[in-house]
């Protein structure tokens, strides 16, 4: 059984031009905007004084820069499993653009051509959780919207597609933990103010 003292504090990276316009941003390395940099600093103020056993980040520059500006860059370990969903042929496209060709398309149900299957995203989330489940204390994770939503679903032992139920805005903080023996969402999608 996993340690009941583990807490995963999750931070979605700050605003980018692509996140602002709704473009699917998987493997493309898009920088934070000025707003995103201010948001990352606000995350740092929100988390100031918190102790973390480990700090993990996706290797994407938008996640690493959010981590650095929040004040945790010197402790960050990168983990490729924290990368965003690989959107394949839909990289850089918006949902309305995709639906012009496939009217009933949803990422969660239909996936992406030439990209990563949702089961593979779920498997990456499971690897992250398996690595961390024996840790006692808080672990800080900087990553991406869709991946963190899948991670939350898997924490709750739900199917990866259940991540569709957890909206997540840029530069927000959430926490996964326990209530008694049950895995729960302690906080979710909390804005830090800029």
N, C-alpha and C. Protein backbone atom coordinates (compact mmCIF):
# COMPACT_ATOMS: atom_id res chain seq x y z
N UNK A 1 0.85 -1.18 0.00
CA UNK A 1 0.00 0.00 0.00
C UNK A 1 0.89 1.24 0.00
N UNK A 2 0.47 2.23 -0.75
CA UNK A 2 1.25 3.47 -0.85
C UNK A 2 1.27 4.20 0.49
N UNK A 3 2.33 4.94 0.70
CA UNK A 3 2.44 5.74 1.91
C UNK A 3 1.29 6.73 1.98
N UNK A 4 0.65 6.82 3.14
CA UNK A 4 -0.44 7.77 3.30
C UNK A 4 0.08 9.17 3.55
N UNK A 5 1.36 9.34 3.62
CA UNK A 5 1.92 10.66 3.85
C UNK A 5 2.38 11.34 2.56
N UNK A 6 2.33 10.64 1.43
CA UNK A 6 2.72 11.27 0.17
C UNK A 6 1.70 12.33 -0.23
N UNK A 7 2.22 13.49 -0.63
CA UNK A 7 1.38 14.53 -1.23
C UNK A 7 2.07 14.95 -2.52
N UNK A 8 1.33 14.96 -3.62
CA UNK A 8 1.84 15.43 -4.89
C UNK A 8 1.27 16.82 -5.14
N UNK A 9 2.14 17.82 -5.15
CA UNK A 9 1.73 19.19 -5.45
C UNK A 9 2.03 19.42 -6.93
N UNK A 10 0.99 19.69 -7.69
CA UNK A 10 1.08 19.76 -9.14
C UNK A 10 0.97 21.20 -9.62
N UNK A 11 1.86 21.59 -10.53
CA UNK A 11 1.82 22.92 -11.12
C UNK A 11 1.82 22.78 -12.63
N UNK A 12 0.79 23.33 -13.27
CA UNK A 12 0.80 23.43 -14.72
C UNK A 12 1.64 24.65 -15.08
N UNK A 13 2.43 24.52 -16.13
CA UNK A 13 3.28 25.64 -16.57
C UNK A 13 2.45 26.88 -16.87
N UNK A 14 3.13 28.02 -16.91
CA UNK A 14 2.47 29.30 -17.18
C UNK A 14 2.04 29.45 -18.63
N UNK A 15 1.42 30.56 -18.88
CA UNK A 15 0.84 30.90 -20.18
C UNK A 15 1.90 30.89 -21.29
N UNK A 16 1.51 30.33 -22.44
CA UNK A 16 2.30 30.42 -23.68
C UNK A 16 1.37 30.96 -24.76
N UNK A 17 1.93 31.37 -25.88
CA UNK A 17 1.07 31.82 -26.99
C UNK A 17 0.14 30.69 -27.43
N UNK A 18 0.65 29.48 -27.45
CA UNK A 18 -0.17 28.35 -27.89
C UNK A 18 -1.24 27.99 -26.87
N UNK A 19 -0.94 28.04 -25.59
CA UNK A 19 -1.98 27.72 -24.60
C UNK A 19 -3.06 28.80 -24.62
N UNK A 20 -2.65 30.03 -24.84
CA UNK A 20 -3.62 31.14 -24.88
C UNK A 20 -4.59 30.98 -26.05
N UNK A 21 -4.12 30.45 -27.17
CA UNK A 21 -4.96 30.33 -28.36
C UNK A 21 -5.56 28.94 -28.53
N UNK A 22 -5.34 28.05 -27.56
CA UNK A 22 -5.95 26.74 -27.60
C UNK A 22 -5.30 25.75 -28.55
N UNK A 23 -4.05 26.02 -28.93
CA UNK A 23 -3.35 25.10 -29.83
C UNK A 23 -2.78 23.94 -29.03
N UNK A 24 -2.96 22.74 -29.52
CA UNK A 24 -2.42 21.55 -28.85
C UNK A 24 -0.90 21.62 -28.89
N UNK A 25 -0.31 21.67 -27.70
CA UNK A 25 1.14 21.86 -27.56
C UNK A 25 1.71 20.66 -26.85
N UNK A 26 2.18 19.71 -27.61
CA UNK A 26 2.78 18.52 -27.03
C UNK A 26 4.29 18.62 -27.02
N UNK A 27 4.91 18.25 -28.10
CA UNK A 27 6.37 18.17 -28.17
C UNK A 27 7.02 19.45 -28.66
N UNK A 28 6.25 20.39 -29.20
CA UNK A 28 6.82 21.66 -29.64
C UNK A 28 7.25 22.45 -28.41
N UNK A 29 8.47 22.97 -28.46
CA UNK A 29 9.00 23.69 -27.30
C UNK A 29 8.63 25.17 -27.41
N UNK A 30 7.53 25.54 -26.80
CA UNK A 30 7.00 26.90 -26.85
C UNK A 30 7.36 27.61 -25.55
N UNK A 31 7.86 28.83 -25.66
CA UNK A 31 8.30 29.59 -24.49
C UNK A 31 7.12 30.21 -23.75
N UNK A 32 7.34 30.54 -22.49
CA UNK A 32 6.36 31.30 -21.72
C UNK A 32 6.24 32.71 -22.29
N UNK A 33 5.04 33.26 -22.21
CA UNK A 33 4.84 34.67 -22.53
C UNK A 33 5.25 35.51 -21.31
N UNK A 34 5.23 36.82 -21.46
CA UNK A 34 5.48 37.69 -20.30
C UNK A 34 4.46 37.39 -19.20
N UNK A 35 3.22 37.18 -19.58
CA UNK A 35 2.19 36.81 -18.60
C UNK A 35 2.54 35.50 -17.92
N UNK A 36 2.99 34.53 -18.69
CA UNK A 36 3.38 33.24 -18.14
C UNK A 36 4.53 33.34 -17.15
N UNK A 37 5.47 34.24 -17.42
CA UNK A 37 6.58 34.44 -16.49
C UNK A 37 6.09 35.06 -15.19
N UNK A 38 5.18 36.02 -15.28
CA UNK A 38 4.60 36.62 -14.06
C UNK A 38 3.79 35.59 -13.28
N UNK A 39 3.06 34.74 -14.01
CA UNK A 39 2.28 33.69 -13.34
C UNK A 39 3.21 32.72 -12.60
N UNK A 40 4.33 32.38 -13.22
CA UNK A 40 5.27 31.46 -12.59
C UNK A 40 5.84 32.06 -11.30
N UNK A 41 6.12 33.34 -11.32
CA UNK A 41 6.59 34.01 -10.10
C UNK A 41 5.50 33.99 -9.02
N UNK A 42 4.24 34.13 -9.44
CA UNK A 42 3.13 34.07 -8.48
C UNK A 42 3.01 32.67 -7.87
N UNK A 43 3.26 31.64 -8.68
CA UNK A 43 3.28 30.28 -8.15
C UNK A 43 4.34 30.18 -7.05
N UNK A 44 5.50 30.78 -7.30
CA UNK A 44 6.57 30.78 -6.30
C UNK A 44 6.16 31.44 -5.00
N UNK A 45 5.45 32.56 -5.11
CA UNK A 45 4.97 33.23 -3.89
C UNK A 45 3.97 32.34 -3.16
N UNK A 46 3.13 31.65 -3.92
CA UNK A 46 2.11 30.77 -3.33
C UNK A 46 2.77 29.60 -2.58
N UNK A 47 3.87 29.09 -3.12
CA UNK A 47 4.52 27.92 -2.54
C UNK A 47 5.68 28.27 -1.61
N UNK A 48 5.92 29.56 -1.42
CA UNK A 48 7.03 30.00 -0.56
C UNK A 48 6.90 29.40 0.83
N UNK A 49 8.00 28.89 1.33
CA UNK A 49 8.01 28.33 2.67
C UNK A 49 7.62 26.86 2.74
N UNK A 50 7.09 26.32 1.66
CA UNK A 50 6.74 24.89 1.64
C UNK A 50 8.00 24.06 1.51
N UNK A 51 8.04 22.95 2.19
CA UNK A 51 9.15 22.00 2.09
C UNK A 51 8.76 20.87 1.15
N UNK A 52 9.67 20.53 0.24
CA UNK A 52 9.42 19.45 -0.70
C UNK A 52 10.56 18.45 -0.65
N UNK A 53 10.22 17.18 -0.59
CA UNK A 53 11.20 16.10 -0.57
C UNK A 53 11.91 16.03 -1.92
N UNK A 54 11.14 16.20 -2.99
CA UNK A 54 11.69 16.21 -4.35
C UNK A 54 10.95 17.24 -5.17
N UNK A 55 11.63 17.73 -6.22
CA UNK A 55 11.03 18.62 -7.20
C UNK A 55 11.30 18.01 -8.57
N UNK A 56 10.23 17.75 -9.31
CA UNK A 56 10.32 17.14 -10.63
C UNK A 56 9.75 18.07 -11.67
N UNK A 57 10.30 18.02 -12.88
CA UNK A 57 9.78 18.83 -13.97
C UNK A 57 9.85 18.07 -15.28
N UNK A 58 8.89 18.34 -16.13
CA UNK A 58 8.99 17.94 -17.53
C UNK A 58 10.23 18.63 -18.10
N UNK A 59 10.89 18.01 -19.09
CA UNK A 59 12.05 18.67 -19.70
C UNK A 59 11.69 19.81 -20.65
N UNK A 60 10.42 20.01 -20.96
CA UNK A 60 10.03 21.10 -21.86
C UNK A 60 10.35 22.45 -21.23
N UNK A 61 10.83 23.39 -22.04
CA UNK A 61 11.28 24.68 -21.49
C UNK A 61 10.17 25.43 -20.76
N UNK A 62 8.92 25.31 -21.20
CA UNK A 62 7.83 26.03 -20.53
C UNK A 62 7.63 25.53 -19.11
N UNK A 63 7.82 24.24 -18.88
CA UNK A 63 7.70 23.69 -17.52
C UNK A 63 8.94 24.03 -16.70
N UNK A 64 10.12 23.86 -17.29
CA UNK A 64 11.36 24.17 -16.57
C UNK A 64 11.46 25.64 -16.20
N UNK A 65 11.03 26.52 -17.11
CA UNK A 65 11.08 27.96 -16.83
C UNK A 65 10.08 28.32 -15.73
N UNK A 66 8.90 27.70 -15.74
CA UNK A 66 7.94 27.93 -14.66
C UNK A 66 8.54 27.49 -13.34
N UNK A 67 9.18 26.35 -13.32
CA UNK A 67 9.85 25.83 -12.12
C UNK A 67 10.94 26.80 -11.65
N UNK A 68 11.76 27.26 -12.57
CA UNK A 68 12.86 28.17 -12.21
C UNK A 68 12.32 29.49 -11.66
N UNK A 69 11.35 30.08 -12.35
CA UNK A 69 10.80 31.37 -11.90
C UNK A 69 10.03 31.25 -10.59
N UNK A 70 9.52 30.05 -10.31
CA UNK A 70 8.83 29.82 -9.04
C UNK A 70 9.83 29.61 -7.90
N UNK A 71 11.11 29.51 -8.25
CA UNK A 71 12.14 29.41 -7.22
C UNK A 71 12.62 28.01 -6.91
N UNK A 72 12.31 27.04 -7.78
CA UNK A 72 12.67 25.65 -7.49
C UNK A 72 13.61 25.05 -8.53
N UNK A 73 14.10 25.86 -9.45
CA UNK A 73 14.92 25.35 -10.54
C UNK A 73 16.21 24.69 -10.10
N UNK A 74 16.79 25.16 -9.01
CA UNK A 74 18.07 24.59 -8.56
C UNK A 74 17.90 23.18 -8.00
N UNK A 75 16.68 22.78 -7.69
CA UNK A 75 16.42 21.44 -7.13
C UNK A 75 15.73 20.51 -8.11
N UNK A 76 15.35 21.02 -9.27
CA UNK A 76 14.51 20.25 -10.19
C UNK A 76 15.26 19.10 -10.85
N UNK A 77 14.59 17.96 -10.85
CA UNK A 77 15.04 16.79 -11.61
C UNK A 77 14.09 16.68 -12.81
N UNK A 78 14.63 16.55 -14.01
CA UNK A 78 13.73 16.39 -15.16
C UNK A 78 13.37 14.92 -15.32
N UNK A 79 12.16 14.70 -15.78
CA UNK A 79 11.65 13.35 -15.99
C UNK A 79 10.87 13.36 -17.31
N UNK A 80 11.35 12.61 -18.29
CA UNK A 80 10.71 12.57 -19.61
C UNK A 80 9.28 12.05 -19.54
N UNK A 81 8.95 11.26 -18.52
CA UNK A 81 7.58 10.77 -18.39
C UNK A 81 6.59 11.90 -18.08
N UNK A 82 7.09 13.06 -17.67
CA UNK A 82 6.21 14.20 -17.37
C UNK A 82 5.90 15.06 -18.60
N UNK A 83 6.42 14.69 -19.76
CA UNK A 83 6.14 15.44 -20.99
C UNK A 83 4.65 15.45 -21.29
N UNK A 84 4.24 16.43 -22.07
CA UNK A 84 2.84 16.51 -22.49
C UNK A 84 2.54 15.41 -23.50
N UNK A 85 1.28 15.12 -23.69
CA UNK A 85 0.77 14.18 -24.67
C UNK A 85 1.39 14.52 -26.02
N UNK A 86 1.82 13.52 -26.76
CA UNK A 86 2.31 13.73 -28.12
C UNK A 86 1.10 13.75 -29.04
N UNK A 87 0.77 14.93 -29.58
CA UNK A 87 -0.44 15.11 -30.37
C UNK A 87 -0.28 14.74 -31.84
N UNK A 88 0.88 14.26 -32.23
CA UNK A 88 1.07 13.78 -33.59
C UNK A 88 0.68 14.80 -34.63
N UNK A 89 -0.17 14.40 -35.57
CA UNK A 89 -0.59 15.28 -36.67
C UNK A 89 -1.44 16.46 -36.20
N UNK A 90 -1.92 16.41 -34.96
CA UNK A 90 -2.74 17.51 -34.44
C UNK A 90 -1.93 18.53 -33.65
N UNK A 91 -0.62 18.33 -33.59
CA UNK A 91 0.25 19.30 -32.91
C UNK A 91 0.07 20.68 -33.52
N UNK A 92 -0.15 21.67 -32.66
CA UNK A 92 -0.28 23.05 -33.11
C UNK A 92 -1.65 23.42 -33.63
N UNK A 93 -2.56 22.48 -33.67
CA UNK A 93 -3.91 22.75 -34.17
C UNK A 93 -4.87 22.93 -33.00
N UNK A 94 -5.94 23.67 -33.23
CA UNK A 94 -6.96 23.87 -32.21
C UNK A 94 -8.08 22.85 -32.39
N UNK A 95 -8.86 22.67 -31.33
CA UNK A 95 -10.00 21.76 -31.42
C UNK A 95 -10.98 22.20 -32.52
N UNK A 96 -11.34 23.50 -32.65
CA UNK A 96 -12.24 23.88 -33.74
C UNK A 96 -11.66 23.56 -35.13
N UNK A 97 -10.36 23.71 -35.31
CA UNK A 97 -9.75 23.37 -36.61
C UNK A 97 -9.90 21.88 -36.89
N UNK A 98 -9.66 21.07 -35.88
CA UNK A 98 -9.76 19.61 -36.06
C UNK A 98 -11.21 19.22 -36.31
N UNK A 99 -12.13 19.86 -35.59
CA UNK A 99 -13.55 19.51 -35.74
C UNK A 99 -14.12 19.97 -37.08
N UNK A 100 -13.45 20.88 -37.77
CA UNK A 100 -13.89 21.24 -39.12
C UNK A 100 -13.75 20.03 -40.05
N UNK A 101 -12.81 19.15 -39.74
CA UNK A 101 -12.60 17.92 -40.51
C UNK A 101 -13.29 16.71 -39.88
N UNK A 102 -13.33 16.68 -38.55
CA UNK A 102 -13.91 15.57 -37.79
C UNK A 102 -14.87 16.15 -36.77
N UNK A 103 -16.13 16.42 -37.15
CA UNK A 103 -17.06 17.18 -36.31
C UNK A 103 -17.26 16.68 -34.89
N UNK A 104 -17.21 15.40 -34.65
CA UNK A 104 -17.47 14.88 -33.31
C UNK A 104 -16.20 14.53 -32.56
N UNK A 105 -15.05 14.98 -33.03
CA UNK A 105 -13.77 14.60 -32.45
C UNK A 105 -13.60 15.12 -31.03
N UNK A 106 -13.08 14.26 -30.14
CA UNK A 106 -12.57 14.68 -28.85
C UNK A 106 -11.23 13.97 -28.63
N UNK A 107 -10.31 14.68 -28.04
CA UNK A 107 -9.01 14.10 -27.73
C UNK A 107 -9.16 12.85 -26.88
N UNK A 108 -10.01 12.94 -25.87
CA UNK A 108 -10.14 11.89 -24.87
C UNK A 108 -10.75 10.61 -25.42
N UNK A 109 -11.62 10.73 -26.40
CA UNK A 109 -12.26 9.54 -26.97
C UNK A 109 -11.62 9.06 -28.26
N UNK A 110 -11.13 9.99 -29.06
CA UNK A 110 -10.70 9.64 -30.42
C UNK A 110 -9.19 9.65 -30.62
N UNK A 111 -8.46 10.25 -29.69
CA UNK A 111 -7.01 10.27 -29.82
C UNK A 111 -6.52 11.12 -30.96
N UNK A 112 -5.29 10.85 -31.38
CA UNK A 112 -4.63 11.66 -32.41
C UNK A 112 -3.92 10.76 -33.41
N UNK A 113 -3.99 11.10 -34.70
CA UNK A 113 -3.23 10.31 -35.68
C UNK A 113 -1.73 10.60 -35.55
N UNK A 114 -0.94 9.56 -35.68
CA UNK A 114 0.52 9.66 -35.68
C UNK A 114 1.08 10.19 -34.36
N UNK A 115 0.30 10.09 -33.29
CA UNK A 115 0.75 10.57 -31.99
C UNK A 115 0.67 9.48 -30.95
N UNK A 116 0.53 9.90 -29.72
CA UNK A 116 0.55 8.99 -28.59
C UNK A 116 -0.88 8.57 -28.23
N UNK A 117 -1.08 7.29 -27.99
CA UNK A 117 -2.38 6.78 -27.55
C UNK A 117 -2.59 7.15 -26.08
N UNK A 118 -3.84 7.33 -25.71
CA UNK A 118 -4.15 7.69 -24.33
C UNK A 118 -3.65 6.63 -23.36
N UNK A 119 -3.65 5.37 -23.77
CA UNK A 119 -3.13 4.31 -22.90
C UNK A 119 -1.65 4.52 -22.62
N UNK A 120 -0.92 5.06 -23.59
CA UNK A 120 0.51 5.33 -23.39
C UNK A 120 0.73 6.50 -22.44
N UNK A 121 -0.12 7.51 -22.54
CA UNK A 121 -0.03 8.64 -21.60
C UNK A 121 -0.33 8.12 -20.19
N UNK A 122 -1.35 7.27 -20.07
CA UNK A 122 -1.68 6.67 -18.79
C UNK A 122 -0.54 5.82 -18.24
N UNK A 123 0.15 5.10 -19.11
CA UNK A 123 1.29 4.27 -18.66
C UNK A 123 2.42 5.15 -18.14
N UNK A 124 2.65 6.30 -18.77
CA UNK A 124 3.68 7.22 -18.26
C UNK A 124 3.28 7.74 -16.88
N UNK A 125 2.00 8.10 -16.73
CA UNK A 125 1.52 8.58 -15.43
C UNK A 125 1.68 7.49 -14.37
N UNK A 126 1.38 6.26 -14.73
CA UNK A 126 1.53 5.14 -13.79
C UNK A 126 2.99 4.96 -13.37
N UNK A 127 3.92 5.14 -14.31
CA UNK A 127 5.34 5.01 -13.95
C UNK A 127 5.75 6.09 -12.95
N UNK A 128 5.27 7.31 -13.18
CA UNK A 128 5.58 8.41 -12.25
C UNK A 128 5.04 8.07 -10.86
N UNK A 129 3.80 7.64 -10.80
CA UNK A 129 3.18 7.33 -9.51
C UNK A 129 3.88 6.16 -8.83
N UNK A 130 4.26 5.15 -9.59
CA UNK A 130 4.95 4.00 -9.00
C UNK A 130 6.29 4.41 -8.40
N UNK A 131 6.98 5.34 -9.06
CA UNK A 131 8.27 5.81 -8.54
C UNK A 131 8.10 6.59 -7.24
N UNK A 132 7.00 7.32 -7.12
CA UNK A 132 6.83 8.23 -5.99
C UNK A 132 6.02 7.67 -4.83
N UNK A 133 5.30 6.58 -5.04
CA UNK A 133 4.31 6.15 -4.05
C UNK A 133 4.88 5.79 -2.69
N UNK A 134 6.15 5.49 -2.58
CA UNK A 134 6.71 5.13 -1.27
C UNK A 134 7.32 6.32 -0.55
N UNK A 135 7.26 7.49 -1.15
CA UNK A 135 7.86 8.68 -0.54
C UNK A 135 6.94 9.23 0.55
N UNK A 136 7.54 9.58 1.66
CA UNK A 136 6.81 10.26 2.72
C UNK A 136 7.15 11.74 2.62
N UNK A 137 6.14 12.57 2.41
CA UNK A 137 6.36 14.00 2.29
C UNK A 137 5.79 14.51 0.98
N UNK A 138 6.01 15.80 0.74
CA UNK A 138 5.46 16.46 -0.44
C UNK A 138 6.46 16.43 -1.58
N UNK A 139 5.96 16.12 -2.77
CA UNK A 139 6.74 16.15 -4.00
C UNK A 139 6.10 17.19 -4.91
N UNK A 140 6.91 18.10 -5.44
CA UNK A 140 6.43 19.18 -6.31
C UNK A 140 6.69 18.78 -7.76
N UNK A 141 5.65 18.87 -8.60
CA UNK A 141 5.73 18.43 -9.99
C UNK A 141 5.29 19.57 -10.91
N UNK A 142 6.16 19.94 -11.86
CA UNK A 142 5.85 20.93 -12.88
C UNK A 142 5.66 20.20 -14.20
N UNK A 143 4.47 20.35 -14.80
CA UNK A 143 4.21 19.64 -16.04
C UNK A 143 3.14 20.37 -16.86
N UNK A 144 2.30 19.62 -17.54
CA UNK A 144 1.42 20.13 -18.58
C UNK A 144 -0.04 19.75 -18.34
N UNK A 145 -0.93 20.50 -18.96
CA UNK A 145 -2.36 20.36 -18.70
C UNK A 145 -2.93 18.98 -18.90
N UNK A 146 -2.83 18.43 -20.10
CA UNK A 146 -3.44 17.13 -20.34
C UNK A 146 -2.72 16.03 -19.56
N UNK A 147 -1.40 16.09 -19.49
CA UNK A 147 -0.69 15.05 -18.74
C UNK A 147 -1.09 15.06 -17.26
N UNK A 148 -1.14 16.24 -16.65
CA UNK A 148 -1.50 16.31 -15.23
C UNK A 148 -2.93 15.85 -14.99
N UNK A 149 -3.81 16.06 -15.95
CA UNK A 149 -5.18 15.58 -15.82
C UNK A 149 -5.22 14.05 -15.84
N UNK A 150 -4.42 13.44 -16.71
CA UNK A 150 -4.32 11.98 -16.74
C UNK A 150 -3.68 11.49 -15.44
N UNK A 151 -2.66 12.17 -14.95
CA UNK A 151 -2.01 11.79 -13.70
C UNK A 151 -3.02 11.79 -12.55
N UNK A 152 -3.86 12.81 -12.49
CA UNK A 152 -4.88 12.87 -11.44
C UNK A 152 -5.86 11.71 -11.56
N UNK A 153 -6.27 11.40 -12.78
CA UNK A 153 -7.18 10.28 -12.99
C UNK A 153 -6.54 8.97 -12.51
N UNK A 154 -5.30 8.76 -12.87
CA UNK A 154 -4.62 7.52 -12.47
C UNK A 154 -4.39 7.47 -10.96
N UNK A 155 -4.12 8.63 -10.32
CA UNK A 155 -3.99 8.69 -8.87
C UNK A 155 -5.26 8.16 -8.21
N UNK A 156 -6.40 8.51 -8.79
CA UNK A 156 -7.70 8.10 -8.27
C UNK A 156 -8.11 6.71 -8.76
N UNK A 157 -7.21 6.05 -9.48
CA UNK A 157 -7.45 4.72 -10.03
C UNK A 157 -8.59 4.71 -11.04
N UNK A 158 -8.71 5.82 -11.77
CA UNK A 158 -9.67 5.93 -12.87
C UNK A 158 -8.96 5.70 -14.19
N UNK A 159 -9.71 5.43 -15.24
CA UNK A 159 -9.14 5.27 -16.57
C UNK A 159 -8.48 6.59 -17.00
N UNK A 160 -7.43 6.52 -17.81
CA UNK A 160 -6.78 7.76 -18.27
C UNK A 160 -7.75 8.76 -18.90
N UNK A 161 -8.76 8.28 -19.62
CA UNK A 161 -9.72 9.18 -20.27
C UNK A 161 -10.55 9.97 -19.27
N UNK A 162 -10.57 9.54 -18.02
CA UNK A 162 -11.29 10.31 -16.99
C UNK A 162 -10.61 11.64 -16.71
N UNK A 163 -9.41 11.83 -17.20
CA UNK A 163 -8.75 13.13 -17.09
C UNK A 163 -9.57 14.25 -17.71
N UNK A 164 -10.48 13.90 -18.61
CA UNK A 164 -11.34 14.91 -19.24
C UNK A 164 -12.21 15.64 -18.22
N UNK A 165 -12.37 15.05 -17.04
CA UNK A 165 -13.24 15.62 -16.00
C UNK A 165 -12.55 16.69 -15.16
N UNK A 166 -11.24 16.89 -15.35
CA UNK A 166 -10.46 17.77 -14.49
C UNK A 166 -9.89 18.94 -15.27
N UNK A 167 -10.65 19.99 -15.45
CA UNK A 167 -10.14 21.17 -16.16
C UNK A 167 -8.92 21.72 -15.43
N UNK A 168 -7.95 22.23 -16.19
CA UNK A 168 -6.72 22.70 -15.58
C UNK A 168 -6.17 23.88 -16.38
N UNK A 169 -6.13 25.04 -15.76
CA UNK A 169 -5.65 26.26 -16.39
C UNK A 169 -4.15 26.42 -16.22
N UNK A 170 -3.52 27.26 -17.06
CA UNK A 170 -2.08 27.52 -16.89
C UNK A 170 -1.77 28.14 -15.53
N UNK A 171 -0.60 27.80 -15.02
CA UNK A 171 -0.06 28.38 -13.77
C UNK A 171 -0.98 28.18 -12.58
N UNK A 172 -1.59 27.01 -12.51
CA UNK A 172 -2.43 26.68 -11.36
C UNK A 172 -1.76 25.60 -10.53
N UNK A 173 -2.20 25.50 -9.28
CA UNK A 173 -1.65 24.55 -8.33
C UNK A 173 -2.75 23.60 -7.89
N UNK A 174 -2.39 22.34 -7.77
CA UNK A 174 -3.29 21.34 -7.24
C UNK A 174 -2.52 20.42 -6.32
N UNK A 175 -3.22 19.58 -5.61
CA UNK A 175 -2.55 18.63 -4.73
C UNK A 175 -3.34 17.34 -4.67
N UNK A 176 -2.61 16.25 -4.82
CA UNK A 176 -3.16 14.91 -4.68
C UNK A 176 -2.63 14.34 -3.38
N UNK A 177 -3.48 13.75 -2.60
CA UNK A 177 -3.04 13.20 -1.32
C UNK A 177 -4.00 12.14 -0.84
N UNK A 178 -4.13 12.08 0.46
CA UNK A 178 -4.95 11.04 1.09
C UNK A 178 -5.93 11.65 2.07
N UNK A 179 -7.07 10.99 2.19
CA UNK A 179 -7.96 11.18 3.33
C UNK A 179 -8.14 9.78 3.91
N UNK A 180 -7.61 9.58 5.09
CA UNK A 180 -7.52 8.25 5.68
C UNK A 180 -6.74 7.35 4.71
N UNK A 181 -7.33 6.26 4.28
CA UNK A 181 -6.62 5.37 3.36
C UNK A 181 -6.93 5.64 1.89
N UNK A 182 -7.80 6.62 1.61
CA UNK A 182 -8.26 6.87 0.25
C UNK A 182 -7.43 7.93 -0.45
N UNK A 183 -7.07 7.65 -1.69
CA UNK A 183 -6.43 8.66 -2.52
C UNK A 183 -7.49 9.68 -2.95
N UNK A 184 -7.17 10.95 -2.78
CA UNK A 184 -8.13 12.02 -3.08
C UNK A 184 -7.43 13.18 -3.77
N UNK A 185 -8.24 14.07 -4.31
CA UNK A 185 -7.75 15.37 -4.78
C UNK A 185 -7.94 16.32 -3.61
N UNK A 186 -6.85 16.85 -3.09
CA UNK A 186 -6.90 17.77 -1.95
C UNK A 186 -7.23 19.21 -2.41
N UNK A 187 -6.65 19.59 -3.54
CA UNK A 187 -6.88 20.92 -4.14
C UNK A 187 -6.77 20.75 -5.65
N UNK A 188 -7.43 21.65 -6.41
CA UNK A 188 -7.34 21.52 -7.87
C UNK A 188 -7.55 22.87 -8.54
N UNK A 189 -6.73 23.14 -9.54
CA UNK A 189 -6.89 24.28 -10.46
C UNK A 189 -6.95 25.61 -9.71
N UNK A 190 -6.13 25.77 -8.67
CA UNK A 190 -6.14 26.99 -7.89
C UNK A 190 -5.21 28.03 -8.53
N UNK A 191 -5.78 29.16 -8.88
CA UNK A 191 -5.00 30.26 -9.43
C UNK A 191 -4.16 30.91 -8.33
N UNK A 192 -2.99 31.36 -8.70
CA UNK A 192 -2.08 31.97 -7.72
C UNK A 192 -2.06 33.48 -7.80
N UNK A 193 -2.69 34.07 -8.80
CA UNK A 193 -2.64 35.52 -8.97
C UNK A 193 -1.31 35.93 -9.55
N UNK A 194 -1.31 36.96 -10.37
CA UNK A 194 -0.05 37.39 -11.01
C UNK A 194 0.57 38.58 -10.34
